[in-house]
């Protein structure tokens, strides 16, 4: 039996020294989505939230064999009250446009599914912009179900402290 082909990339968990790269990839993703103006984080904030005393999220990075960064997945644990089990929420999955169609996106999602199984999670979920037909098709091909009847609700900016100060 022939040996399995080695993918043209490697995936590894991010380390604190990767924070500048992570921020660069976040900005590239935001630019792709037309949302660069919404990126307000900086290296210090990412360092604290990803590698501080209470990490809020994890990052997987993908690299070509020569070490060239290709993309990333940023994710965190959530919880399903219906299942009574944790889940993994994929906040961002991004592969640089010139690095796409090499299998990295599929490999990152596969690794997250492996984490979910290893961690006894009940699900792996994420949101996708409704105009991103390429991503939607890719996710469906990977076995994801697009939840057409759900909408994301968000309280941010000045509305967040206003809600926090509201009298019940």
C-alpha atoms as a PDB file:
ATOM      1  CA  UNK A   1       0.000   0.000   0.000  1.00  0.00           C
ATOM      2  CA  UNK A   2       1.482   3.397  -0.943  1.00  0.00           C
ATOM      3  CA  UNK A   3       2.204   5.886   1.813  1.00  0.00           C
ATOM      4  CA  UNK A   4      -0.286   8.688   2.297  1.00  0.00           C
ATOM      5  CA  UNK A   5       0.742  11.939   0.669  1.00  0.00           C
ATOM      6  CA  UNK A   6       2.131  14.534   3.042  1.00  0.00           C
ATOM      7  CA  UNK A   7       0.141  17.765   2.899  1.00  0.00           C
ATOM      8  CA  UNK A   8       2.047  20.775   1.563  1.00  0.00           C
ATOM      9  CA  UNK A   9       1.671  22.503   4.930  1.00  0.00           C
ATOM     10  CA  UNK A  10       1.897  22.042   8.680  1.00  0.00           C
ATOM     11  CA  UNK A  11      -0.568  23.035  11.382  1.00  0.00           C
ATOM     12  CA  UNK A  12       0.457  23.890  14.903  1.00  0.00           C
ATOM     13  CA  UNK A  13      -0.973  25.669  17.946  1.00  0.00           C
ATOM     14  CA  UNK A  14       0.014  29.311  18.170  1.00  0.00           C
ATOM     15  CA  UNK A  15       2.515  30.463  20.764  1.00  0.00           C
ATOM     16  CA  UNK A  16       2.923  33.860  22.347  1.00  0.00           C
ATOM     17  CA  UNK A  17       5.607  34.778  19.807  1.00  0.00           C
ATOM     18  CA  UNK A  18       2.979  34.351  17.052  1.00  0.00           C
ATOM     19  CA  UNK A  19       0.855  37.279  18.278  1.00  0.00           C
ATOM     20  CA  UNK A  20       2.112  39.725  15.572  1.00  0.00           C
ATOM     21  CA  UNK A  21       1.315  37.147  12.871  1.00  0.00           C
ATOM     22  CA  UNK A  22      -2.130  36.452  14.355  1.00  0.00           C
ATOM     23  CA  UNK A  23      -2.933  40.170  14.318  1.00  0.00           C
ATOM     24  CA  UNK A  24      -1.763  40.431  10.702  1.00  0.00           C
ATOM     25  CA  UNK A  25      -4.014  37.518   9.699  1.00  0.00           C
ATOM     26  CA  UNK A  26      -6.975  39.003  11.613  1.00  0.00           C
ATOM     27  CA  UNK A  27      -6.505  42.274   9.725  1.00  0.00           C
ATOM     28  CA  UNK A  28      -6.275  40.436   6.393  1.00  0.00           C
ATOM     29  CA  UNK A  29      -9.499  38.569   7.158  1.00  0.00           C
ATOM     30  CA  UNK A  30     -11.244  41.801   8.173  1.00  0.00           C
ATOM     31  CA  UNK A  31     -10.093  43.472   4.958  1.00  0.00           C
ATOM     32  CA  UNK A  32     -11.425  40.523   2.915  1.00  0.00           C
ATOM     33  CA  UNK A  33     -14.787  40.874   4.688  1.00  0.00           C
ATOM     34  CA  UNK A  34     -14.843  44.665   4.231  1.00  0.00           C
ATOM     35  CA  UNK A  35     -14.649  45.125   8.007  1.00  0.00           C
ATOM     36  CA  UNK A  36     -11.101  46.368   8.582  1.00  0.00           C
ATOM     37  CA  UNK A  37     -12.511  49.520  10.188  1.00  0.00           C
ATOM     38  CA  UNK A  38     -13.937  47.332  12.975  1.00  0.00           C
ATOM     39  CA  UNK A  39     -10.577  45.880  14.066  1.00  0.00           C
ATOM     40  CA  UNK A  40      -9.616  47.702  17.259  1.00  0.00           C
ATOM     41  CA  UNK A  41      -7.491  45.045  18.953  1.00  0.00           C
ATOM     42  CA  UNK A  42      -3.727  45.247  19.238  1.00  0.00           C
ATOM     43  CA  UNK A  43      -0.873  42.882  20.079  1.00  0.00           C
ATOM     44  CA  UNK A  44      -1.082  43.550  23.829  1.00  0.00           C
ATOM     45  CA  UNK A  45      -4.793  42.726  23.953  1.00  0.00           C
ATOM     46  CA  UNK A  46      -4.335  39.555  21.906  1.00  0.00           C
ATOM     47  CA  UNK A  47      -1.370  38.477  24.027  1.00  0.00           C
ATOM     48  CA  UNK A  48      -3.440  38.899  27.213  1.00  0.00           C
ATOM     49  CA  UNK A  49      -6.543  37.152  25.857  1.00  0.00           C
ATOM     50  CA  UNK A  50      -4.742  34.279  24.131  1.00  0.00           C
ATOM     51  CA  UNK A  51      -1.802  33.662  26.471  1.00  0.00           C
ATOM     52  CA  UNK A  52      -2.610  35.441  29.741  1.00  0.00           C
ATOM     53  CA  UNK A  53      -3.596  33.802  33.032  1.00  0.00           C
ATOM     54  CA  UNK A  54      -7.091  32.962  31.741  1.00  0.00           C
ATOM     55  CA  UNK A  55      -6.918  32.380  27.965  1.00  0.00           C
ATOM     56  CA  UNK A  56     -10.182  33.206  26.237  1.00  0.00           C
ATOM     57  CA  UNK A  57      -9.415  31.486  22.923  1.00  0.00           C
ATOM     58  CA  UNK A  58      -6.970  29.259  21.077  1.00  0.00           C
ATOM     59  CA  UNK A  59      -5.372  29.599  17.651  1.00  0.00           C
ATOM     60  CA  UNK A  60      -4.145  27.071  15.123  1.00  0.00           C
ATOM     61  CA  UNK A  61      -1.739  28.311  12.452  1.00  0.00           C
ATOM     62  CA  UNK A  62      -1.013  26.795   9.059  1.00  0.00           C
ATOM     63  CA  UNK A  63       2.374  27.148   7.358  1.00  0.00           C
ATOM     64  CA  UNK A  64       3.877  26.059   4.058  1.00  0.00           C
ATOM     65  CA  UNK A  65       6.849  23.697   4.291  1.00  0.00           C
ATOM     66  CA  UNK A  66       9.209  26.688   4.001  1.00  0.00           C
ATOM     67  CA  UNK A  67       7.552  28.407   6.982  1.00  0.00           C
ATOM     68  CA  UNK A  68       5.413  30.865   5.008  1.00  0.00           C
ATOM     69  CA  UNK A  69       2.181  31.550   6.948  1.00  0.00           C
ATOM     70  CA  UNK A  70      -0.942  30.409   5.104  1.00  0.00           C
ATOM     71  CA  UNK A  71      -3.830  30.971   7.506  1.00  0.00           C
ATOM     72  CA  UNK A  72      -5.361  30.428  10.913  1.00  0.00           C
ATOM     73  CA  UNK A  73      -8.334  29.272  12.936  1.00  0.00           C
ATOM     74  CA  UNK A  74      -9.288  31.045  16.174  1.00  0.00           C
ATOM     75  CA  UNK A  75     -11.736  29.199  18.413  1.00  0.00           C
ATOM     76  CA  UNK A  76     -13.017  28.913  21.959  1.00  0.00           C
ATOM     77  CA  UNK A  77     -15.193  26.699  24.118  1.00  0.00           C
ATOM     78  CA  UNK A  78     -18.891  27.393  24.466  1.00  0.00           C
ATOM     79  CA  UNK A  79     -21.659  25.348  26.083  1.00  0.00           C
ATOM     80  CA  UNK A  80     -24.911  23.780  24.910  1.00  0.00           C
ATOM     81  CA  UNK A  81     -27.601  23.727  27.571  1.00  0.00           C
ATOM     82  CA  UNK A  82     -29.684  21.357  25.442  1.00  0.00           C
ATOM     83  CA  UNK A  83     -26.850  18.846  25.110  1.00  0.00           C
ATOM     84  CA  UNK A  84     -25.394  19.522  28.555  1.00  0.00           C
ATOM     85  CA  UNK A  85     -21.951  19.471  26.976  1.00  0.00           C
ATOM     86  CA  UNK A  86     -19.296  21.933  25.864  1.00  0.00           C
ATOM     87  CA  UNK A  87     -18.811  22.832  22.240  1.00  0.00           C
ATOM     88  CA  UNK A  88     -16.212  24.553  20.139  1.00  0.00           C
ATOM     89  CA  UNK A  89     -17.062  27.840  18.488  1.00  0.00           C
ATOM     90  CA  UNK A  90     -14.924  28.763  15.493  1.00  0.00           C
ATOM     91  CA  UNK A  91     -14.674  32.556  15.525  1.00  0.00           C
ATOM     92  CA  UNK A  92     -12.428  32.914  12.488  1.00  0.00           C
ATOM     93  CA  UNK A  93     -11.132  30.637   9.757  1.00  0.00           C
ATOM     94  CA  UNK A  94      -8.933  32.349   7.200  1.00  0.00           C
ATOM     95  CA  UNK A  95      -6.618  31.140   4.481  1.00  0.00           C
ATOM     96  CA  UNK A  96      -4.725  33.728   2.483  1.00  0.00           C
ATOM     97  CA  UNK A  97      -6.229  33.995  -1.030  1.00  0.00           C
ATOM     98  CA  UNK A  98      -3.049  32.866  -2.807  1.00  0.00           C
ATOM     99  CA  UNK A  99      -2.813  29.833  -0.495  1.00  0.00           C
ATOM    100  CA  UNK A 100      -6.364  28.535  -0.993  1.00  0.00           C
ATOM    101  CA  UNK A 101      -7.367  25.262  -2.625  1.00  0.00           C
ATOM    102  CA  UNK A 102      -4.431  23.388  -1.092  1.00  0.00           C
ATOM    103  CA  UNK A 103      -6.420  21.723   1.697  1.00  0.00           C
ATOM    104  CA  UNK A 104      -5.527  23.948   4.643  1.00  0.00           C
ATOM    105  CA  UNK A 105      -9.103  25.071   5.365  1.00  0.00           C
ATOM    106  CA  UNK A 106     -10.285  21.467   5.326  1.00  0.00           C
ATOM    107  CA  UNK A 107      -7.359  20.418   7.531  1.00  0.00           C
ATOM    108  CA  UNK A 108      -8.048  23.186  10.067  1.00  0.00           C
ATOM    109  CA  UNK A 109     -11.730  22.220  10.293  1.00  0.00           C
ATOM    110  CA  UNK A 110     -10.783  18.565  10.589  1.00  0.00           C
ATOM    111  CA  UNK A 111      -8.377  19.359  13.435  1.00  0.00           C
ATOM    112  CA  UNK A 112     -11.090  21.347  15.224  1.00  0.00           C
ATOM    113  CA  UNK A 113     -13.483  18.413  14.846  1.00  0.00           C
ATOM    114  CA  UNK A 114     -10.786  16.175  16.341  1.00  0.00           C
ATOM    115  CA  UNK A 115     -10.429  18.595  19.276  1.00  0.00           C
ATOM    116  CA  UNK A 116     -14.214  18.517  19.725  1.00  0.00           C
ATOM    117  CA  UNK A 117     -14.235  14.715  19.848  1.00  0.00           C
ATOM    118  CA  UNK A 118     -11.180  14.562  22.148  1.00  0.00           C
ATOM    119  CA  UNK A 119     -12.732  17.133  24.496  1.00  0.00           C
ATOM    120  CA  UNK A 120     -16.115  15.349  24.492  1.00  0.00           C
ATOM    121  CA  UNK A 121     -17.878  18.309  22.917  1.00  0.00           C
ATOM    122  CA  UNK A 122     -21.383  18.048  21.550  1.00  0.00           C
ATOM    123  CA  UNK A 123     -20.810  20.275  18.542  1.00  0.00           C
ATOM    124  CA  UNK A 124     -18.560  22.484  16.458  1.00  0.00           C
ATOM    125  CA  UNK A 125     -20.195  25.631  15.150  1.00  0.00           C
ATOM    126  CA  UNK A 126     -19.493  28.979  13.531  1.00  0.00           C
ATOM    127  CA  UNK A 127     -21.120  31.815  11.594  1.00  0.00           C
ATOM    128  CA  UNK A 128     -20.593  32.666   7.941  1.00  0.00           C
ATOM    129  CA  UNK A 129     -21.442  35.866   6.090  1.00  0.00           C
ATOM    130  CA  UNK A 130     -24.455  35.322   3.841  1.00  0.00           C
ATOM    131  CA  UNK A 131     -22.667  36.773   0.794  1.00  0.00           C
ATOM    132  CA  UNK A 132     -19.718  34.381   1.073  1.00  0.00           C
ATOM    133  CA  UNK A 133     -21.086  31.688  -1.243  1.00  0.00           C
ATOM    134  CA  UNK A 134     -17.670  30.036  -1.677  1.00  0.00           C
ATOM    135  CA  UNK A 135     -17.354  29.523   2.083  1.00  0.00           C
ATOM    136  CA  UNK A 136     -20.959  28.358   2.422  1.00  0.00           C
ATOM    137  CA  UNK A 137     -20.451  25.753  -0.296  1.00  0.00           C
ATOM    138  CA  UNK A 138     -17.157  24.659   1.279  1.00  0.00           C
ATOM    139  CA  UNK A 139     -18.760  24.273   4.719  1.00  0.00           C
ATOM    140  CA  UNK A 140     -21.728  22.333   3.346  1.00  0.00           C
ATOM    141  CA  UNK A 141     -19.305  20.051   1.514  1.00  0.00           C
ATOM    142  CA  UNK A 142     -17.587  19.416   4.865  1.00  0.00           C
ATOM    143  CA  UNK A 143     -20.896  18.280   6.395  1.00  0.00           C
ATOM    144  CA  UNK A 144     -22.000  21.536   8.032  1.00  0.00           C
ATOM    145  CA  UNK A 145     -25.652  22.516   8.120  1.00  0.00           C
ATOM    146  CA  UNK A 146     -26.384  26.223   7.596  1.00  0.00           C
ATOM    147  CA  UNK A 147     -28.917  27.257  10.235  1.00  0.00           C
ATOM    148  CA  UNK A 148     -31.210  29.417   8.083  1.00  0.00           C
ATOM    149  CA  UNK A 149     -33.713  30.006  10.895  1.00  0.00           C
ATOM    150  CA  UNK A 150     -31.186  31.449  13.399  1.00  0.00           C
ATOM    151  CA  UNK A 151     -29.929  35.030  13.579  1.00  0.00           C
ATOM    152  CA  UNK A 152     -26.904  36.343  15.465  1.00  0.00           C
ATOM    153  CA  UNK A 153     -27.647  39.019  18.079  1.00  0.00           C
ATOM    154  CA  UNK A 154     -24.878  41.305  19.266  1.00  0.00           C
ATOM    155  CA  UNK A 155     -24.558  44.076  21.826  1.00  0.00           C
ATOM    156  CA  UNK A 156     -21.336  46.063  21.360  1.00  0.00           C
ATOM    157  CA  UNK A 157     -19.860  49.542  21.512  1.00  0.00           C
ATOM    158  CA  UNK A 158     -21.822  52.044  23.597  1.00  0.00           C
ATOM    159  CA  UNK A 159     -24.836  49.733  23.735  1.00  0.00           C
ATOM    160  CA  UNK A 160     -22.956  47.258  25.944  1.00  0.00           C
ATOM    161  CA  UNK A 161     -22.348  49.589  28.926  1.00  0.00           C
ATOM    162  CA  UNK A 162     -25.853  51.001  28.431  1.00  0.00           C
ATOM    163  CA  UNK A 163     -27.332  47.532  28.774  1.00  0.00           C
ATOM    164  CA  UNK A 164     -25.090  46.772  31.737  1.00  0.00           C
ATOM    165  CA  UNK A 165     -26.340  49.927  33.495  1.00  0.00           C
ATOM    166  CA  UNK A 166     -30.022  49.332  32.675  1.00  0.00           C
ATOM    167  CA  UNK A 167     -32.357  48.914  35.583  1.00  0.00           C
ATOM    168  CA  UNK A 168     -34.322  45.702  35.515  1.00  0.00           C
END
